[in-house]
Protein backbone atom coordinates (compact mmCIF):
# COMPACT_ATOMS: atom_id res chain seq x y z
CA MET A 1 166.87 79.31 98.92
CA CYS A 2 163.51 80.89 98.29
CA GLY A 3 161.04 82.42 95.93
CA ILE A 4 160.34 86.14 96.31
CA ALA A 5 157.71 88.40 94.78
CA GLY A 6 156.19 91.81 95.32
CA ILE A 7 154.33 94.81 93.98
CA VAL A 8 155.01 98.43 94.92
CA ARG A 9 152.54 101.10 93.79
CA ALA A 10 153.29 104.72 94.71
CA ALA A 11 149.65 105.81 94.58
CA GLY A 12 148.54 102.96 96.86
CA LEU A 13 147.95 99.26 96.29
CA GLN A 14 144.90 98.12 94.40
CA THR A 15 142.97 94.99 95.30
CA GLN A 16 144.32 93.23 92.23
CA ASP A 17 147.90 93.89 93.36
CA ARG A 18 147.34 91.89 96.55
CA VAL A 19 145.66 89.12 94.57
CA CYS A 20 148.64 88.94 92.18
CA VAL A 21 151.18 88.73 95.01
CA THR A 22 149.21 85.93 96.69
CA HIS A 23 149.03 84.11 93.35
CA MET A 24 152.76 84.51 92.81
CA GLU A 25 153.40 83.00 96.22
CA HIS A 26 151.56 79.86 95.15
CA LEU A 27 153.32 79.79 91.78
CA LEU A 28 156.71 79.98 93.51
CA GLN A 29 156.00 77.33 96.13
CA HIS A 30 158.36 74.84 94.45
CA ARG A 31 161.19 77.26 95.22
CA GLY A 32 160.36 77.19 98.92
CA PRO A 33 158.15 74.35 100.12
CA ASP A 34 159.20 74.72 103.79
CA GLY A 35 157.41 77.95 104.63
CA ALA A 36 155.77 81.08 103.26
CA GLY A 37 154.54 84.48 104.36
CA ARG A 38 153.38 87.88 103.16
CA PHE A 39 153.68 91.52 104.15
CA THR A 40 151.36 94.33 103.10
CA ASP A 41 151.14 98.04 103.78
CA CYS A 42 149.45 100.84 101.90
CA CYS A 43 151.87 100.85 98.96
CA CYS A 44 153.74 97.53 99.08
CA ALA A 45 152.83 93.83 99.08
CA LEU A 46 155.61 91.24 99.45
CA SER A 47 155.72 87.47 99.51
CA GLN A 48 158.41 84.88 100.22
CA THR A 49 158.52 81.10 100.12
CA ARG A 50 161.39 79.32 101.89
CA LEU A 51 163.56 76.28 101.30
CA ALA A 52 165.08 75.76 104.75
CA ILE A 53 168.83 75.21 104.38
CA VAL A 54 170.42 77.66 106.84
CA GLY A 55 168.90 78.41 110.23
CA PRO A 56 165.84 77.08 112.05
CA ALA A 57 163.30 75.20 109.98
CA SER A 58 160.53 77.56 111.08
CA LEU A 59 161.04 81.30 110.75
CA PRO A 60 158.60 84.22 110.47
CA LEU A 61 158.36 85.36 106.86
CA PRO A 62 159.12 87.90 105.58
CA LEU A 63 161.76 88.99 108.11
CA ARG A 64 161.26 92.45 109.66
CA SER A 65 163.51 94.68 111.70
CA PRO A 66 162.50 94.95 115.38
CA ASP A 67 160.94 98.38 114.87
CA GLY A 68 158.96 97.11 111.88
CA ARG A 69 160.36 99.77 109.57
CA TYR A 70 162.30 97.45 107.24
CA VAL A 71 161.06 94.25 105.61
CA ILE A 72 163.20 91.90 103.51
CA VAL A 73 162.32 89.14 101.05
CA TYR A 74 165.46 87.21 100.25
CA ASN A 75 166.56 84.41 97.94
CA GLY A 76 170.02 82.87 98.09
CA GLU A 77 172.93 82.10 100.37
CA VAL A 78 175.56 84.54 101.62
CA TYR A 79 178.36 82.19 102.61
CA ASN A 80 180.33 84.70 104.64
CA TYR A 81 177.40 85.51 106.91
CA PRO A 82 179.18 84.14 110.04
CA GLU A 83 182.05 86.56 109.48
CA LEU A 84 179.69 89.44 108.77
CA ARG A 85 177.67 88.53 111.84
CA GLN A 86 180.76 89.00 114.01
CA GLU A 87 181.26 92.46 112.53
CA LEU A 88 177.62 93.50 112.82
CA GLN A 89 176.38 92.06 116.08
CA LEU A 90 177.51 94.97 118.28
CA ASP A 91 175.43 97.43 116.20
CA THR A 92 172.41 95.23 115.58
CA PRO A 93 169.39 95.22 117.92
CA PHE A 94 168.12 91.80 116.79
CA ALA A 95 169.43 88.24 116.77
CA LEU A 96 171.43 87.31 113.66
CA VAL A 97 170.20 83.73 113.27
CA THR A 98 170.38 83.23 109.50
CA ASP A 99 172.05 84.87 106.54
CA THR A 100 168.75 86.69 105.89
CA ASP A 101 169.13 88.53 109.21
CA VAL A 102 172.71 89.38 108.32
CA VAL A 103 171.77 90.76 104.89
CA LEU A 104 169.16 93.06 106.44
CA ALA A 105 171.53 94.15 109.22
CA ALA A 106 174.26 94.84 106.65
CA TYR A 107 171.88 97.05 104.67
CA LEU A 108 170.93 98.99 107.80
CA LYS A 109 174.63 99.63 108.50
CA TRP A 110 176.12 100.10 105.03
CA GLY A 111 173.14 100.97 102.87
CA SER A 112 173.32 100.29 99.14
CA ASP A 113 177.01 99.37 99.41
CA ALA A 114 176.16 96.30 101.49
CA PRO A 115 176.13 93.90 98.47
CA LYS A 116 179.82 94.65 97.91
CA ARG A 117 180.53 92.86 101.21
CA PHE A 118 178.55 89.71 100.42
CA ASN A 119 180.21 86.54 99.20
CA GLY A 120 177.58 84.27 97.78
CA MET A 121 174.53 84.20 95.54
CA PHE A 122 171.53 86.35 96.27
CA ALA A 123 168.60 88.38 95.09
CA PHE A 124 166.63 90.39 97.62
CA PHE A 125 164.26 93.31 98.07
CA ILE A 126 164.14 95.53 101.18
CA TRP A 127 161.16 97.81 101.81
CA ASP A 128 161.48 100.90 104.00
CA ALA A 129 157.94 101.37 105.31
CA LEU A 130 158.74 104.81 106.75
CA GLN A 131 160.27 106.31 103.62
CA GLN A 132 158.06 104.22 101.31
CA SER A 133 161.08 103.22 99.26
CA GLY A 134 162.65 99.95 98.18
CA PHE A 135 166.09 98.54 97.42
CA ALA A 136 167.00 95.37 95.52
CA ALA A 137 170.28 93.72 94.51
CA CYS A 138 171.52 90.54 92.88
CA ASP A 139 174.86 88.77 93.07
CA PRO A 140 177.82 89.40 90.73
CA LEU A 141 177.02 86.46 88.44
CA GLY A 142 173.24 86.76 88.51
CA THR A 143 173.06 83.28 90.00
CA LYS A 144 169.84 84.17 91.79
CA PRO A 145 167.19 85.80 89.58
CA PHE A 146 165.18 89.00 89.98
CA PHE A 147 162.70 89.83 87.20
CA TYR A 148 160.70 93.03 87.24
CA ALA A 149 158.36 95.26 85.30
CA CYS A 150 157.71 99.00 85.77
CA ASP A 151 154.72 100.90 84.49
CA ALA A 152 152.44 103.75 85.62
CA GLY A 153 154.09 104.17 89.01
CA ARG A 154 154.08 100.44 89.78
CA LEU A 155 156.97 97.98 90.25
CA ALA A 156 156.22 94.25 90.11
CA PHE A 157 158.98 91.67 90.68
CA ALA A 158 159.47 87.93 91.16
CA SER A 159 162.10 85.21 91.21
CA GLU A 160 160.69 83.78 87.99
CA ALA A 161 159.51 85.67 84.94
CA GLY A 162 156.76 83.12 84.40
CA ALA A 163 155.24 83.90 87.79
CA LEU A 164 154.80 87.55 86.84
CA VAL A 165 152.87 86.55 83.73
CA GLU A 166 150.90 83.62 85.14
CA SER A 167 149.76 85.68 88.14
CA GLY A 168 148.46 88.45 85.92
CA ALA A 169 150.96 90.99 87.32
CA VAL A 170 152.33 91.39 83.76
CA ARG A 171 150.26 90.79 80.63
CA PHE A 172 151.78 88.39 78.13
CA SER A 173 153.27 90.11 75.11
CA PRO A 174 156.13 88.49 73.15
CA ASN A 175 159.27 90.45 72.33
CA GLY A 176 159.88 89.63 68.66
CA GLN A 177 163.62 90.31 68.59
CA ALA A 178 164.18 88.21 71.71
CA ILE A 179 162.22 85.36 70.09
CA ALA A 180 164.44 85.66 67.03
CA GLU A 181 167.54 85.60 69.23
CA SER A 182 166.35 82.33 70.81
CA LEU A 183 166.24 80.84 67.32
CA ILE A 184 169.50 82.34 66.02
CA ALA A 185 171.78 82.44 69.07
CA PRO A 186 170.02 80.81 72.06
CA TYR A 187 173.25 80.61 74.10
CA PHE A 188 173.34 84.44 74.22
CA SER A 189 169.57 84.90 74.48
CA SER A 190 167.23 86.33 77.13
CA VAL A 191 169.95 88.46 78.72
CA THR A 192 169.91 91.93 77.17
CA ALA A 193 166.26 91.44 76.15
CA LEU A 194 163.71 89.01 77.58
CA PRO A 195 161.13 87.22 75.42
CA PHE A 196 158.44 88.99 77.48
CA ALA A 197 157.94 92.55 76.27
CA GLY A 198 157.89 95.09 79.08
CA MET A 199 159.85 92.95 81.51
CA GLU A 200 163.47 93.29 82.67
CA ARG A 201 166.01 91.20 84.53
CA LEU A 202 168.11 92.83 87.23
CA ARG A 203 171.49 92.24 85.65
CA PRO A 204 174.36 90.52 87.50
CA GLY A 205 176.10 92.81 89.98
CA HIS A 206 173.35 95.44 89.80
CA ARG A 207 171.08 97.08 92.35
CA LEU A 208 167.69 98.78 92.06
CA HIS A 209 166.07 101.66 93.93
CA VAL A 210 162.36 102.51 93.82
CA ARG A 211 160.71 105.58 95.31
CA ASP A 212 157.66 107.62 94.38
CA GLY A 213 157.01 105.28 91.47
CA ARG A 214 160.41 105.92 89.92
CA VAL A 215 162.95 103.11 89.45
CA SER A 216 166.69 103.51 88.97
CA VAL A 217 169.28 100.79 88.38
CA ASP A 218 173.05 100.88 88.62
CA ALA A 219 176.02 98.49 88.83
CA TYR A 220 178.03 97.81 91.97
CA PHE A 221 180.22 95.10 90.34
CA ARG A 222 181.50 94.47 86.83
CA PHE A 223 183.60 91.47 85.82
CA THR A 224 186.49 92.41 83.53
CA HIS A 225 189.48 90.44 82.33
CA GLN A 226 192.60 92.57 82.46
CA ARG A 227 193.86 93.76 79.10
CA SER A 228 197.53 94.11 80.04
CA GLU A 229 199.93 91.19 80.08
CA PRO A 230 201.78 91.30 83.43
CA GLN A 231 204.99 89.42 83.92
CA GLU A 232 203.32 86.12 84.76
CA SER A 233 205.82 84.05 82.80
CA ASP A 234 208.19 83.98 85.75
CA PRO A 235 207.82 80.41 87.13
CA GLN A 236 207.70 81.73 90.67
CA ASN A 237 204.82 84.06 89.82
CA VAL A 238 203.00 81.27 88.01
CA ASP A 239 203.38 78.86 90.91
CA GLY A 240 202.19 81.53 93.32
CA PHE A 241 199.08 82.23 91.26
CA VAL A 242 198.30 78.52 90.90
CA GLU A 243 198.71 78.05 94.65
CA GLN A 244 196.32 80.93 95.35
CA LEU A 245 193.81 79.40 92.96
CA ALA A 246 194.03 75.93 94.52
CA ASN A 247 193.50 77.41 97.98
CA GLY A 248 190.67 79.58 96.68
CA VAL A 249 188.78 76.67 95.16
CA GLU A 250 189.15 74.65 98.36
CA LYS A 251 187.87 77.54 100.50
CA ALA A 252 184.99 78.19 98.11
CA ALA A 253 183.94 74.53 98.12
CA ALA A 254 184.13 74.44 101.92
CA ALA A 255 182.04 77.62 102.21
CA CYS A 256 179.38 76.12 99.95
CA LEU A 257 179.03 73.18 102.33
CA ARG A 258 177.79 75.52 105.08
CA ALA A 259 174.24 74.35 105.64
CA ASP A 260 171.87 72.85 108.17
CA ALA A 261 170.62 70.42 105.50
CA PRO A 262 172.40 67.81 103.33
CA VAL A 263 174.54 69.08 100.43
CA GLY A 264 175.74 67.02 97.46
CA VAL A 265 177.48 67.59 94.12
CA PHE A 266 176.82 67.13 90.40
CA LEU A 267 179.85 65.22 89.14
CA SER A 268 180.54 65.05 85.40
CA GLY A 269 184.11 63.80 85.68
CA GLY A 270 185.39 66.97 84.02
CA VAL A 271 188.07 69.05 85.68
CA ASP A 272 185.68 71.64 87.20
CA SER A 273 183.18 69.36 88.93
CA SER A 274 185.94 66.89 89.86
CA PHE A 275 188.03 69.67 91.42
CA LEU A 276 185.04 70.80 93.48
CA THR A 277 184.19 67.24 94.47
CA ALA A 278 187.72 66.51 95.70
CA ALA A 279 187.98 69.83 97.55
CA ALA A 280 184.53 69.51 99.13
CA GLN A 281 185.11 65.91 100.19
CA ARG A 282 188.08 67.07 102.29
CA HIS A 283 185.71 69.22 104.34
CA SER A 284 182.53 67.16 104.22
CA GLY A 285 183.09 64.96 107.26
CA ARG A 286 181.20 62.13 105.57
CA PRO A 287 181.03 60.65 102.06
CA LEU A 288 179.80 63.40 99.76
CA ARG A 289 176.76 62.41 97.73
CA ALA A 290 177.43 62.78 94.00
CA TRP A 291 175.24 62.33 90.89
CA THR A 292 176.26 61.66 87.28
CA ILE A 293 173.98 61.23 84.29
CA ALA A 294 174.35 58.29 81.89
CA TYR A 295 172.21 57.90 78.77
CA GLU A 296 171.25 54.50 77.48
CA GLY A 297 173.34 53.53 74.45
CA GLU A 298 175.92 56.30 74.92
CA GLN A 299 178.70 53.75 74.40
CA THR A 300 177.70 53.55 70.70
CA VAL A 301 178.01 57.32 70.10
CA ASP A 302 180.78 58.62 67.85
CA TYR A 303 181.87 61.57 70.00
CA ALA A 304 184.39 62.69 67.38
CA ARG A 305 181.41 63.94 65.35
CA SER A 306 179.79 65.81 68.24
CA LEU A 307 179.92 69.60 68.34
CA ILE A 308 180.74 70.12 72.02
CA VAL A 309 180.08 66.87 73.94
CA LYS A 310 183.33 65.01 73.36
CA SER A 311 182.91 62.01 75.67
CA ALA A 312 180.50 60.31 78.03
CA ASP A 313 180.89 61.24 81.69
CA ARG A 314 180.22 57.87 83.31
CA ASP A 315 183.70 56.30 83.54
CA PHE A 316 185.47 59.52 84.51
CA ALA A 317 182.95 60.30 87.23
CA ILE A 318 183.08 56.77 88.63
CA LYS A 319 186.86 57.08 88.94
CA VAL A 320 186.72 60.47 90.69
CA ALA A 321 184.06 59.26 93.12
CA ALA A 322 186.08 56.15 93.94
CA ASP A 323 189.34 58.08 94.32
CA HIS A 324 187.79 60.46 96.85
CA GLY A 325 185.35 58.24 98.70
CA CYS A 326 182.09 59.79 97.52
CA ALA A 327 178.66 58.18 97.73
CA HIS A 328 178.09 58.03 93.98
CA SER A 329 174.83 57.55 92.07
CA LEU A 330 174.45 57.08 88.33
CA VAL A 331 171.25 58.57 86.91
CA THR A 332 170.66 56.10 84.08
CA VAL A 333 168.19 57.31 81.47
CA ASP A 334 166.36 55.24 78.86
CA ASP A 335 164.31 56.65 75.98
CA ALA A 336 161.00 56.69 77.87
CA ARG A 337 162.48 58.57 80.82
CA TYR A 338 164.26 60.96 78.46
CA GLU A 339 161.06 61.75 76.60
CA GLU A 340 159.19 62.55 79.82
CA ALA A 341 162.06 64.78 80.96
CA LEU A 342 162.13 66.55 77.59
CA LEU A 343 158.51 67.63 77.93
CA ARG A 344 158.97 68.68 81.55
CA THR A 345 162.06 70.71 80.67
CA LEU A 346 160.27 72.53 77.86
CA ARG A 347 157.43 73.45 80.24
CA THR A 348 159.80 74.59 82.98
CA ASN A 349 162.07 77.14 81.32
CA ASP A 350 160.10 80.38 81.26
CA LEU A 351 162.78 82.13 79.15
CA ILE A 352 162.69 79.44 76.39
CA CYS A 353 165.02 76.45 76.51
CA ALA A 354 168.38 77.13 74.89
CA TRP A 355 170.23 73.79 75.09
CA GLU A 356 169.36 70.12 75.09
CA GLN A 357 171.67 69.79 78.10
CA GLU A 358 168.90 71.39 80.16
CA ILE A 359 167.17 68.00 80.05
CA SER A 360 170.20 66.52 81.82
CA GLN A 361 169.92 69.23 84.48
CA GLN A 362 166.27 68.32 85.05
CA LEU A 363 167.07 64.62 85.39
CA LEU A 364 169.98 65.22 87.77
CA ALA A 365 167.92 67.60 89.90
CA GLN A 366 165.01 65.17 90.10
CA ALA A 367 167.33 62.42 91.34
CA ALA A 368 169.35 64.53 93.80
CA ALA A 369 166.33 66.23 95.37
CA THR A 370 165.25 62.95 96.93
CA GLN A 371 168.34 62.99 99.18
CA VAL A 372 169.69 66.56 99.53
CA LYS A 373 168.49 70.15 99.48
CA ALA A 374 171.54 71.65 97.76
CA VAL A 375 174.25 70.60 95.31
CA LEU A 376 177.56 72.08 94.24
CA VAL A 377 177.85 72.66 90.48
CA GLY A 378 180.88 73.48 88.34
CA ASP A 379 179.22 76.33 86.43
CA ALA A 380 181.15 79.60 85.92
CA ALA A 381 184.63 78.03 85.85
CA ASP A 382 184.87 78.04 82.04
CA GLU A 383 183.26 81.45 81.69
CA THR A 384 185.59 83.21 84.14
CA HIS A 385 188.83 81.24 83.62
CA PHE A 386 189.27 81.07 79.80
CA GLY A 387 187.76 77.60 79.60
CA TYR A 388 186.55 77.40 75.99
CA SER A 389 188.90 75.63 73.62
CA PHE A 390 187.48 77.27 70.50
CA LEU A 391 189.00 80.55 71.68
CA LEU A 392 192.39 79.05 70.83
CA ASP A 393 191.48 79.02 67.12
CA PRO A 394 192.06 82.45 65.49
CA GLY A 395 189.68 81.46 62.72
CA ARG A 396 186.76 81.19 65.13
CA ILE A 397 187.12 84.33 67.22
CA ASP A 398 187.38 87.22 64.79
CA SER A 399 183.60 87.68 64.89
CA PRO A 400 180.57 86.47 66.91
CA ARG A 401 179.28 85.26 63.53
CA ARG A 402 181.59 82.25 63.85
CA VAL A 403 179.68 81.04 66.91
CA ILE A 404 176.33 81.50 65.16
CA ASP A 405 177.53 79.57 62.11
CA PHE A 406 179.05 76.81 64.27
CA PHE A 407 175.77 75.92 66.00
CA GLY A 408 173.51 76.79 63.07
CA ALA A 409 170.56 79.18 62.89
CA ALA A 410 166.86 78.45 62.50
CA PRO A 411 165.25 79.86 59.32
CA LEU A 412 163.57 83.21 60.04
CA ARG A 413 160.91 84.81 57.89
CA HIS A 414 162.26 87.03 55.13
CA GLY A 415 161.75 90.65 56.13
CA PHE A 416 161.42 90.02 59.85
CA LEU A 417 165.09 90.90 60.09
CA ASP A 418 166.96 91.70 56.88
CA ASP A 419 169.88 89.42 57.77
CA PRO A 420 169.33 87.86 61.21
CA ALA A 421 172.82 86.46 61.65
CA ALA A 422 174.36 89.78 60.61
CA TYR A 423 171.99 91.70 62.90
CA PHE A 424 172.94 89.69 65.98
CA THR A 425 176.61 89.65 65.01
CA CYS A 426 176.53 93.45 65.00
CA LYS A 427 174.68 93.47 68.32
CA TYR A 428 177.27 91.24 70.01
CA ARG A 429 180.25 93.08 68.55
CA ARG A 430 178.81 96.34 69.85
CA PHE A 431 178.13 94.77 73.27
CA ALA A 432 181.82 93.89 73.67
CA GLU A 433 182.99 97.24 72.28
CA GLU A 434 180.82 99.16 74.76
CA ARG A 435 182.70 97.33 77.52
CA GLY A 436 186.06 98.34 76.11
CA TYR A 437 186.99 95.30 74.03
CA GLY A 438 188.05 95.50 70.38
CA TRP A 439 188.23 93.05 67.48
CA THR A 440 191.52 93.99 65.77
CA THR A 441 194.19 91.61 67.08
CA VAL A 442 193.87 87.98 68.13
CA CYS A 443 194.50 89.02 71.73
CA GLU A 444 191.68 91.60 71.57
CA GLN A 445 189.35 89.15 69.84
CA ARG A 446 189.87 86.53 72.51
CA LEU A 447 189.07 89.05 75.23
CA ALA A 448 186.05 90.31 73.32
CA MET A 449 184.68 86.79 72.88
CA SER A 450 185.41 86.08 76.55
CA CYS A 451 183.38 89.18 77.41
CA LEU A 452 180.39 87.76 75.50
CA ILE A 453 180.84 84.39 77.14
CA HIS A 454 180.92 85.87 80.62
CA HIS A 455 178.19 88.50 80.32
CA LEU A 456 175.76 86.68 78.02
CA TRP A 457 176.52 82.95 77.88
CA LEU A 458 177.14 82.65 81.63
CA THR A 459 174.05 84.65 82.57
CA ARG A 460 172.04 82.25 80.42
CA LEU A 461 173.71 79.28 82.13
CA MET A 462 172.92 80.69 85.55
CA HIS A 463 169.26 81.05 84.65
CA ASN A 464 169.00 77.51 83.28
CA GLY A 465 170.61 76.04 86.38
CA ASP A 466 168.35 77.98 88.72
CA ILE A 467 165.07 77.31 86.93
CA HIS A 468 165.59 73.56 86.48
CA LEU A 469 167.02 72.79 89.91
CA MET A 470 164.51 74.92 91.76
CA ALA A 471 161.71 73.17 89.89
CA HIS A 472 162.59 70.27 92.19
CA SER A 473 163.18 72.43 95.30
CA LEU A 474 166.94 71.93 94.94
CA GLU A 475 169.47 74.71 95.45
CA GLY A 476 172.42 74.88 93.07
CA ARG A 477 175.54 76.32 94.70
CA VAL A 478 178.26 77.78 92.47
CA PRO A 479 181.68 77.78 94.19
CA PHE A 480 183.37 79.32 91.13
CA GLY A 481 181.20 82.38 91.76
CA ASP A 482 182.97 82.89 95.09
CA ALA A 483 184.08 86.52 95.43
CA ARG A 484 187.69 85.50 96.11
CA LEU A 485 187.82 83.35 92.97
CA LEU A 486 186.25 86.09 90.87
CA ALA A 487 188.93 88.49 92.09
CA LEU A 488 191.63 86.01 91.07
CA ALA A 489 189.99 85.38 87.70
CA GLN A 490 189.97 89.10 86.91
CA ARG A 491 193.72 89.23 87.46
CA LEU A 492 194.30 86.24 85.19
CA PRO A 493 196.23 87.02 81.98
CA GLN A 494 195.41 85.20 78.78
CA GLU A 495 198.85 83.68 78.64
CA LEU A 496 198.09 81.60 81.72
CA GLY A 497 194.52 80.83 80.67
CA TYR A 498 195.66 79.41 77.34
CA ARG A 499 199.23 78.24 77.90
CA ASP A 500 200.64 75.41 75.76
CA GLY A 501 197.51 75.32 73.60
CA VAL A 502 195.33 74.14 76.50
CA GLU A 503 192.29 75.99 77.85
CA LYS A 504 192.17 76.64 81.63
CA TRP A 505 195.87 75.74 81.92
CA HIS A 506 196.24 77.45 85.29
CA LEU A 507 193.09 75.84 86.71
CA ARG A 508 194.28 72.42 85.61
CA ARG A 509 197.62 73.04 87.32
CA ALA A 510 195.74 73.92 90.51
CA ALA A 511 193.53 70.85 90.17
CA GLU A 512 196.60 68.59 90.05
CA ARG A 513 196.94 69.20 93.78
CA PHE A 514 193.67 67.30 94.26
CA LEU A 515 193.13 65.08 91.22
CA ASP A 516 194.69 62.33 89.16
CA PRO A 517 196.43 64.08 86.22
CA ALA A 518 194.26 62.07 83.80
CA ILE A 519 191.25 63.93 85.19
CA ALA A 520 192.95 67.30 85.70
CA TRP A 521 194.03 67.36 82.04
CA ARG A 522 191.00 65.66 80.53
CA PRO A 523 189.99 67.47 77.30
CA LYS A 524 187.00 69.75 77.71
CA SER A 525 183.58 68.23 77.10
CA ALA A 526 180.27 69.96 77.68
CA LEU A 527 177.68 68.54 80.07
CA THR A 528 176.50 65.42 78.33
CA LYS A 529 173.23 65.21 76.45
CA ASN A 530 171.38 62.41 74.73
CA LEU A 531 173.11 62.30 71.36
CA ARG A 532 170.83 59.46 70.23
CA ALA A 533 167.63 61.46 70.71
CA ASN A 534 167.36 63.06 67.27
CA ALA A 535 164.31 60.96 66.30
CA ILE A 536 162.52 61.71 69.60
CA LEU A 537 163.22 65.43 69.32
CA HIS A 538 162.16 65.53 65.68
CA ARG A 539 158.87 63.73 66.41
CA HIS A 540 157.90 66.20 69.13
CA PHE A 541 159.01 69.13 66.99
CA ALA A 542 156.86 67.94 64.06
CA GLN A 543 153.85 67.39 66.33
CA ALA A 544 154.23 70.85 67.86
CA TRP A 545 154.59 72.44 64.41
CA HIS A 546 151.39 70.90 63.13
CA ARG A 547 149.62 71.74 66.39
CA SER A 548 150.90 75.27 67.01
CA GLY A 549 153.00 76.32 64.06
CA ALA A 550 150.78 79.35 63.48
CA LEU A 551 152.27 80.88 66.62
CA LEU A 552 155.66 81.03 64.90
CA GLU A 553 154.52 82.28 61.51
CA PRO A 554 155.33 85.94 62.29
CA TYR A 555 158.96 84.94 62.95
CA VAL A 556 160.01 81.95 60.85
CA ASP A 557 160.18 80.89 57.22
CA SER A 558 157.15 78.59 57.33
CA ASP A 559 158.07 76.71 54.16
CA ALA A 560 161.56 75.92 55.44
CA VAL A 561 160.25 74.82 58.84
CA GLU A 562 157.56 72.70 57.16
CA ARG A 563 160.25 70.88 55.19
CA LEU A 564 162.08 70.17 58.45
CA ALA A 565 158.87 68.89 60.04
CA VAL A 566 157.77 66.52 57.25
CA GLY A 567 161.27 65.26 56.48
CA GLU A 568 163.24 62.48 58.08
CA ALA A 569 164.78 62.89 61.50
CA PRO A 570 167.90 65.10 61.17
CA GLN A 571 171.24 63.37 60.90
CA THR A 572 173.48 66.23 62.04
CA GLU A 573 173.71 67.74 65.49
CA GLN A 574 173.21 71.21 64.03
CA GLU A 575 169.88 70.24 62.46
CA THR A 576 168.76 68.48 65.64
CA GLY A 577 169.62 71.62 67.61
CA ILE A 578 167.54 73.76 65.26
CA CYS A 579 164.57 71.43 65.68
CA PHE A 580 164.99 71.62 69.45
CA ARG A 581 165.01 75.43 69.38
CA LEU A 582 161.87 75.59 67.25
CA LEU A 583 160.18 73.12 69.59
CA ALA A 584 161.30 75.17 72.61
CA VAL A 585 159.84 78.40 71.24
CA MET A 586 156.55 76.73 70.34
CA SER A 587 156.31 75.15 73.81
CA TRP A 588 156.92 78.56 75.37
CA PHE A 589 154.19 80.15 73.25
CA GLU A 590 151.76 77.37 74.09
CA ARG A 591 152.36 77.86 77.81
CA PHE A 592 151.91 81.61 77.92
CA GLU A 593 149.34 82.07 75.15
CA SER A 594 147.05 79.83 77.19
CA VAL A 595 147.60 82.10 80.21
CA GLU A 596 146.71 85.16 78.16
CA ARG A 597 143.58 83.48 76.83
CA SER A 598 142.46 82.58 80.34
CA TYR A 599 142.87 86.17 81.53
CA GLY A 600 141.15 87.49 78.44
CA ALA A 601 138.17 85.23 79.06
CA THR A 602 137.66 86.71 82.55
CA GLN A 603 137.59 90.33 81.37
C-alpha cells in the first residue's frame, strides 16, 4: 500500500512542478511510512511512498524496468501476483519480487489490457520515457484512488485529492453543485463530480492514457447486474450457486491474507464481516486479530428508532470471535475519545465527510494500526449482492427521491438550485437510465436503485475506507471486491438476492457453511455509530457556524441554518445527520480555504 503522485508536462517540466511533486510526497507519507523515492526526466516527475506489506522491506522506489525505459508508481495489492508471476517469468528480464514488479511486467507483455488480468485493488501510473507517454488504471471497485487534473498540456495526479491542492499542484476552487450534493445526498456525493473544481477521479474499472499533453480515459470493466431472470429456482441450481459463492468467499479471504506483515479484520458481528472472519481464520495459521467498536452507553439506545443502525455490534462480534478462535479487541469509546475522533475525522476526509460512521472507521483504524499493517473489511458485499433491505419495499424504490427524503436534506439557499432534491433526483434517474436501467416496474426499479448503490454509494464507501484507514498507515483489504466474487455477483438474479423477503438470501445461505445461523441470518445493521452524540455534534456544528458560516452563505439558507445552530440539540437522527453534514462542509472549507490563503500570500 502506498501513496503515489506525479506531474507530466508535454512542453517540459517547470521548476514548480518538481517542487509540487516533492511536496506531495511529504503530504502522502502517512500512506507509506516505510520508504519513498522520486523519478524525474524532462517531462515527468513521479513520487511514491511505501507501506511495506508484500516483498522486502527495502526496495528502490519508484520501480524501473532494467533498461530504464519504464517507470511505475503503484498503490495497492494484486492478490494473484504469484500466479501471474508464473505466467510472466519466462518473458521478463528482471526479478519478479513483489506485485509491483508483476504489474509492470504484465503491462510490458499485455499493454493496456493488463488490468483485466489483475485480481485485487490497485491504482498505478506507468511512464514510458522513450515515447514520453503515460498509462494509469484503477481497480474495478475504485478501492484504490487516483485523482487528477488536466490543464494547458499538464497532467497532475495523486492518491489523495487534498495532496493536489495542499501542494499547490491544483488551486483550490469549490465546485458548487458538488458542495450542494454533499448537503442533499452525501451518500452519492463526490463521485460524478468532486468538490474541487477542475479535478477528476479515475473512475472504478477505468484506465487513462496521456501523450503530447492530451489525456484520454476509457473503461475496461463495468459492473452490471443481469436483467434477465434465469431458471435459478431449481433447487439444484440454487445449491450450486450457493456452493460457488461459499468457495469464492473462502478463496477471496485466503488471498487477502497474502502478506509479509500481520493482517487482521474489522469484525462487526454482521454476516459480511463474520463470514470473512470465519473464512480467513481457517487459513490464518494463528488466531486472527479482530477489532470491534463499542460506544459508551450504547446499551441504553432505542435501536428501533434508528434509521439504519439497528443494533450494537459488541455481543454479536464477541460470539463470532469466540466461535472461531480469534484474538478479539473491543475498541471502547467514551465521549472525550469520540469528540477527539470527530474532529480528526472531519480534518481527514478531503472529499467532505458523508456519514457519522466514518468516525468509527477512524477509531478502529487507530486501534488496529498498533498491531497490524492490513485488515480485511466487509465493504462491497451489500453493494454487489443485493444487501439493502429497503430495496424490498416498492414504496421506497420508485425514485431516488425516496432515499433523499429518508435521510433528510440540508436547507439550501433559494435560487442556488430551484429545487435541489428534484435536481439530484433527476440526475440519479438519468445516471441509471444511461446504464440501461429503467424505472417502470418494481423489478426495473430495484435494478436501477442497485445501479446507484453500486456505482455511487459504493464508490463513496471505498473512498471513506481508504482515506480513514490510510491516515493511520493501515491498508484496508476488500475480499468482496475479488474478481471471482464480482463475476458471481453479476450473474446473480434478483430472485436469489431477495428470496423470502430477506436481503442477501444467497450470501446468508453460503455463510451458514461457516457461521452459527443466528449470525448468518442476523438482520442487517449498518456499521455502528455513536447514537448518543447528538449534543456533541450540535455543539461543534454551532461553533463552526458562528466561526465560519460565511463560507456556506453562497449555498445554504442562512436563516434556516442559524435556527438549527441556536436551537436545542436535535432529537431526531435526521436532524443530527443534517448538522453533521453542515459541520463537515464547513470543516472542509476551513481546511482548504486556509491553503488557498497561504498560497495567495506568497504570490
